[in-house]
N, C-alpha and C. Protein backbone atom coordinates (compact mmCIF):
# COMPACT_ATOMS: atom_id res chain seq x y z
N MET A 1 184.65 218.72 45.75
CA MET A 1 183.42 218.15 45.67
C MET A 1 183.35 217.08 46.78
N THR A 2 182.20 216.93 47.33
CA THR A 2 182.12 215.61 48.46
C THR A 2 181.85 214.46 47.70
N ASN A 3 181.83 213.30 48.65
CA ASN A 3 181.60 211.95 47.84
C ASN A 3 180.01 211.80 47.66
N GLU A 4 179.15 212.68 48.47
CA GLU A 4 177.87 212.60 48.23
C GLU A 4 177.40 212.96 46.78
N PRO A 5 176.74 212.28 46.15
CA PRO A 5 176.10 212.42 44.69
C PRO A 5 175.42 213.87 44.61
N LEU A 6 175.83 214.62 43.61
CA LEU A 6 175.25 216.13 43.32
C LEU A 6 173.77 215.79 43.08
N ALA A 7 173.06 216.95 43.49
CA ALA A 7 171.70 216.97 43.08
C ALA A 7 171.59 217.26 41.42
N LEU A 8 170.65 216.74 40.98
CA LEU A 8 170.22 216.78 39.46
C LEU A 8 169.42 217.91 39.07
N HIS A 9 169.75 218.81 38.14
CA HIS A 9 168.87 219.77 37.64
C HIS A 9 168.76 219.80 36.07
N LEU A 10 167.86 219.78 35.56
CA LEU A 10 167.43 219.62 34.16
C LEU A 10 166.96 221.10 33.76
N THR A 11 167.63 221.53 32.90
CA THR A 11 167.28 222.86 32.27
C THR A 11 165.93 222.52 31.48
N PRO A 12 165.13 223.63 31.11
CA PRO A 12 164.04 223.52 30.33
C PRO A 12 164.28 222.97 28.93
N LYS A 13 165.42 223.42 28.33
CA LYS A 13 165.89 223.00 27.00
C LYS A 13 166.30 221.46 27.05
N ALA A 14 166.75 221.00 28.28
CA ALA A 14 167.16 219.51 28.40
C ALA A 14 165.75 218.84 28.52
N ARG A 15 164.74 219.18 29.29
CA ARG A 15 163.71 218.50 29.34
C ARG A 15 162.90 218.32 28.01
N THR A 16 163.11 219.45 27.37
CA THR A 16 162.42 219.46 26.05
C THR A 16 163.13 218.53 25.05
N ASP A 17 164.46 218.21 25.27
CA ASP A 17 165.37 217.29 24.44
C ASP A 17 164.84 215.91 24.80
N LEU A 18 164.57 215.74 26.09
CA LEU A 18 164.30 214.39 26.45
C LEU A 18 162.73 214.10 25.98
N GLU A 19 161.89 215.01 26.00
CA GLU A 19 160.60 214.80 25.37
C GLU A 19 160.41 214.47 23.92
N GLU A 20 161.44 215.09 23.28
CA GLU A 20 161.50 214.82 21.78
C GLU A 20 162.25 213.43 21.71
N ILE A 21 163.18 213.08 22.38
CA ILE A 21 163.73 211.78 22.30
C ILE A 21 162.68 210.66 22.48
N TRP A 22 162.09 210.82 23.71
CA TRP A 22 160.85 209.92 24.05
C TRP A 22 159.75 209.73 22.71
N ALA A 23 159.54 211.05 22.17
CA ALA A 23 158.38 210.89 20.99
C ALA A 23 158.97 210.29 19.70
N TYR A 24 160.41 210.49 19.52
CA TYR A 24 160.98 209.88 18.31
C TYR A 24 161.12 208.53 18.63
N THR A 25 161.45 208.17 19.75
CA THR A 25 161.63 206.52 19.96
C THR A 25 160.39 205.88 19.92
N VAL A 26 159.38 206.35 20.52
CA VAL A 26 157.99 205.75 20.58
C VAL A 26 157.62 205.66 19.02
N GLU A 27 157.56 206.61 18.14
CA GLU A 27 157.25 206.57 16.86
C GLU A 27 157.97 205.73 15.90
N THR A 28 159.36 205.70 16.22
CA THR A 28 160.44 204.87 15.41
C THR A 28 160.23 203.41 15.84
N TRP A 29 160.25 203.07 17.18
CA TRP A 29 160.27 201.77 17.68
C TRP A 29 159.22 201.54 18.58
N SER A 30 159.11 201.99 19.86
CA SER A 30 157.76 201.42 20.52
C SER A 30 158.06 202.27 21.95
N GLU A 31 156.60 202.43 22.77
CA GLU A 31 156.80 202.78 24.01
C GLU A 31 157.73 202.17 24.96
N ALA A 32 157.74 200.64 24.74
CA ALA A 32 158.59 200.02 25.83
C ALA A 32 160.19 200.50 25.48
N GLN A 33 160.63 200.63 24.29
CA GLN A 33 161.72 200.98 23.91
C GLN A 33 162.20 202.41 24.32
N ALA A 34 161.13 203.26 24.29
CA ALA A 34 161.35 204.56 24.71
C ALA A 34 161.55 204.80 26.32
N GLU A 35 160.82 203.85 27.03
CA GLU A 35 160.88 203.72 28.61
C GLU A 35 162.32 203.20 28.71
N ARG A 36 162.71 201.92 28.15
CA ARG A 36 164.15 201.56 28.53
C ARG A 36 165.01 202.64 28.15
N TYR A 37 165.16 203.33 27.04
CA TYR A 37 166.39 204.37 26.51
C TYR A 37 166.42 205.61 27.60
N LEU A 38 165.10 205.86 27.84
CA LEU A 38 165.06 207.11 29.02
C LEU A 38 165.50 206.67 30.28
N ASP A 39 165.37 205.28 30.72
CA ASP A 39 165.79 204.70 31.88
C ASP A 39 167.29 204.58 31.71
N THR A 40 167.99 204.19 30.67
CA THR A 40 169.35 204.31 30.47
C THR A 40 169.90 205.72 30.69
N ILE A 41 169.23 206.71 30.03
CA ILE A 41 169.60 208.16 30.20
C ILE A 41 169.62 208.65 31.58
N SER A 42 168.53 207.99 32.36
CA SER A 42 168.54 208.48 33.71
C SER A 42 169.47 207.81 34.56
N GLU A 43 169.80 206.59 34.14
CA GLU A 43 170.79 205.91 35.12
C GLU A 43 172.32 206.65 34.76
N SER A 44 172.35 207.34 33.57
CA SER A 44 173.61 207.90 33.08
C SER A 44 173.81 209.30 33.95
N PHE A 45 172.46 209.98 34.07
CA PHE A 45 172.54 211.25 34.98
C PHE A 45 172.98 210.84 36.46
N ASP A 46 172.40 209.69 36.96
CA ASP A 46 172.84 209.25 38.31
C ASP A 46 174.47 208.92 38.42
N MET A 47 174.90 208.47 37.39
CA MET A 47 176.23 208.11 37.11
C MET A 47 177.13 209.26 37.40
N LEU A 48 176.69 210.44 36.61
CA LEU A 48 177.53 211.62 36.47
C LEU A 48 177.18 212.39 37.67
N CYS A 49 175.99 212.34 38.52
CA CYS A 49 175.86 212.97 39.64
C CYS A 49 176.83 212.43 40.79
N ALA A 50 177.30 211.19 40.62
CA ALA A 50 178.17 210.60 41.61
C ALA A 50 179.60 210.89 41.21
N MET A 51 179.93 210.99 40.11
CA MET A 51 181.17 211.15 39.37
C MET A 51 181.23 212.24 38.34
N PRO A 52 180.96 213.53 38.65
CA PRO A 52 180.80 214.68 37.74
C PRO A 52 181.95 215.03 36.92
N THR A 53 183.05 214.56 37.43
CA THR A 53 184.28 214.99 36.61
C THR A 53 184.81 214.06 35.65
N MET A 54 183.90 212.99 35.53
CA MET A 54 184.37 211.85 34.61
C MET A 54 184.37 212.17 33.00
N ALA A 55 183.65 213.21 32.47
CA ALA A 55 183.60 213.57 31.23
C ALA A 55 184.47 214.61 31.03
N ARG A 56 185.05 214.80 29.88
CA ARG A 56 186.06 215.98 29.40
C ARG A 56 185.41 217.20 29.54
N GLU A 57 186.17 218.07 29.98
CA GLU A 57 185.59 219.55 30.02
C GLU A 57 185.94 220.23 28.82
N TYR A 58 185.08 221.00 28.18
CA TYR A 58 185.29 221.72 26.86
C TYR A 58 185.35 223.15 27.12
N HIS A 59 186.59 223.57 27.22
CA HIS A 59 186.85 224.94 27.48
C HIS A 59 186.63 226.02 26.26
N GLU A 60 186.44 225.55 25.29
CA GLU A 60 186.23 226.35 24.05
C GLU A 60 184.64 226.92 24.04
N PHE A 61 183.84 226.55 25.19
CA PHE A 61 182.63 226.98 25.17
C PHE A 61 182.62 227.83 26.36
N THR A 62 181.50 228.88 26.43
CA THR A 62 181.66 229.86 27.45
C THR A 62 180.11 229.91 27.99
N PRO A 63 179.79 229.33 29.25
CA PRO A 63 180.82 228.76 30.21
C PRO A 63 181.36 227.39 29.78
N PRO A 64 182.45 226.88 30.22
CA PRO A 64 182.98 225.47 29.83
C PRO A 64 181.90 224.44 30.40
N VAL A 65 181.78 223.51 29.29
CA VAL A 65 180.70 222.39 29.81
C VAL A 65 181.53 221.18 29.59
N ARG A 66 180.84 220.05 30.17
CA ARG A 66 181.26 218.65 29.97
C ARG A 66 180.40 217.99 29.07
N ILE A 67 180.79 216.97 28.46
CA ILE A 67 180.03 216.18 27.41
C ILE A 67 180.37 214.76 27.57
N HIS A 68 179.17 214.02 27.91
CA HIS A 68 179.24 212.57 28.17
C HIS A 68 178.34 212.05 27.19
N PRO A 69 178.78 210.82 26.32
CA PRO A 69 178.09 210.38 25.46
C PRO A 69 177.36 209.20 26.09
N ILE A 70 176.01 208.92 25.47
CA ILE A 70 175.10 207.99 25.95
C ILE A 70 174.43 207.61 24.90
N GLY A 71 174.47 206.38 24.21
CA GLY A 71 174.04 205.74 23.04
C GLY A 71 174.19 206.91 21.90
N PRO A 72 173.34 207.17 20.98
CA PRO A 72 173.48 208.07 20.05
C PRO A 72 173.27 209.66 20.47
N HIS A 73 173.45 209.94 21.66
CA HIS A 73 173.27 211.18 22.26
C HIS A 73 174.53 211.65 23.06
N LEU A 74 174.37 213.09 23.33
CA LEU A 74 175.60 213.52 24.14
C LEU A 74 174.83 214.21 25.49
N VAL A 75 175.26 213.99 26.45
CA VAL A 75 174.63 214.96 27.83
C VAL A 75 175.62 215.80 28.01
N VAL A 76 175.04 216.96 27.72
CA VAL A 76 175.79 218.41 28.06
C VAL A 76 175.65 218.95 29.48
N TYR A 77 176.54 219.07 30.24
CA TYR A 77 176.36 219.45 31.64
C TYR A 77 177.39 220.22 32.32
N MET A 78 177.14 221.06 33.21
CA MET A 78 178.03 221.76 34.13
C MET A 78 177.75 221.28 35.59
N ALA A 79 178.81 221.25 36.45
CA ALA A 79 178.73 220.73 37.67
C ALA A 79 179.27 221.86 38.60
N ASP A 80 178.80 221.85 39.91
CA ASP A 80 179.36 222.72 40.93
C ASP A 80 179.37 221.85 42.12
N ASP A 81 179.65 222.41 43.48
CA ASP A 81 179.82 221.63 44.62
C ASP A 81 178.52 221.07 45.08
N ALA A 82 177.42 221.71 44.52
CA ALA A 82 176.15 221.32 44.98
C ALA A 82 175.24 220.41 43.97
N LYS A 83 175.24 221.07 42.58
CA LYS A 83 174.52 220.29 41.65
C LYS A 83 175.09 219.94 40.44
N LEU A 84 174.37 219.08 39.53
CA LEU A 84 174.68 218.81 38.21
C LEU A 84 173.89 219.41 37.52
N SER A 85 173.90 220.32 36.67
CA SER A 85 172.84 220.76 35.68
C SER A 85 173.19 220.35 34.10
N VAL A 86 172.10 219.60 33.78
CA VAL A 86 171.92 219.07 32.44
C VAL A 86 171.58 220.08 31.60
N ILE A 87 172.43 220.58 30.74
CA ILE A 87 171.88 221.80 29.84
C ILE A 87 171.24 221.20 28.58
N ARG A 88 171.72 220.40 27.90
CA ARG A 88 171.04 219.76 26.84
C ARG A 88 171.38 218.22 26.53
N VAL A 89 170.54 217.58 25.87
CA VAL A 89 170.92 216.02 25.42
C VAL A 89 170.52 216.09 24.05
N LEU A 90 171.74 216.21 23.49
CA LEU A 90 171.70 216.48 21.88
C LEU A 90 172.13 215.07 21.16
N GLY A 91 171.73 215.03 19.88
CA GLY A 91 172.12 213.82 19.05
C GLY A 91 173.35 214.15 18.68
N ALA A 92 174.30 213.03 18.85
CA ALA A 92 175.61 213.27 18.37
C ALA A 92 175.89 213.72 17.04
N LYS A 93 175.08 213.24 16.00
CA LYS A 93 175.14 213.60 14.79
C LYS A 93 174.83 214.86 14.22
N GLN A 94 174.21 215.60 15.08
CA GLN A 94 173.51 217.12 14.82
C GLN A 94 174.92 217.97 15.07
N ASN A 95 174.76 219.11 14.72
CA ASN A 95 175.87 220.05 14.80
C ASN A 95 175.77 220.57 16.15
N TRP A 96 176.21 219.72 17.19
CA TRP A 96 176.12 220.25 18.51
C TRP A 96 177.03 221.31 18.90
N ARG A 97 178.30 221.35 18.22
CA ARG A 97 179.05 222.61 18.53
C ARG A 97 178.21 223.96 18.24
N ALA A 98 177.57 223.96 17.17
CA ALA A 98 176.92 225.31 16.94
C ALA A 98 175.89 225.55 17.91
N VAL A 99 175.18 224.46 18.58
CA VAL A 99 173.93 224.66 19.30
C VAL A 99 175.01 225.06 20.70
N LEU A 100 175.89 224.60 21.07
CA LEU A 100 176.65 224.97 22.53
C LEU A 100 177.24 226.20 22.49
N GLU A 101 177.57 226.75 21.17
CA GLU A 101 178.07 228.22 21.10
C GLU A 101 176.96 229.16 21.65
N GLN A 102 175.76 228.65 21.76
CA GLN A 102 174.66 229.66 22.20
C GLN A 102 174.53 229.36 23.69
N VAL A 103 175.19 228.52 24.35
CA VAL A 103 174.84 228.08 25.87
C VAL A 103 175.42 229.59 26.44
N GLU A 104 174.46 229.72 27.69
CA GLU A 104 174.61 230.93 28.45
C GLU A 104 174.60 230.22 29.90
N SER A 105 175.28 231.03 30.66
CA SER A 105 175.07 230.54 32.12
C SER A 105 173.97 231.05 32.78
């Protein structure tokens, strides 16, 4: 991998996860809080694009994925030489292992 940050790709499921996080945060706290939290998640994506190997790789999933915690959520992603693909943004308390067993390349 080069020193240039990787391009970011969000899967449709990751986009849906972010929309659900937004809606829940607005309903529970406020739109301002939702903005701040999604900004924090976005900053995390930027950091992962710059340092894609910083999170542990889980080989028990096929294909292997990396998981990075951010607040009460887990960013599940894969990276190659050109892009970082965010597969899901899951709640750390949900049964994320069961969800990830269904991940396909």
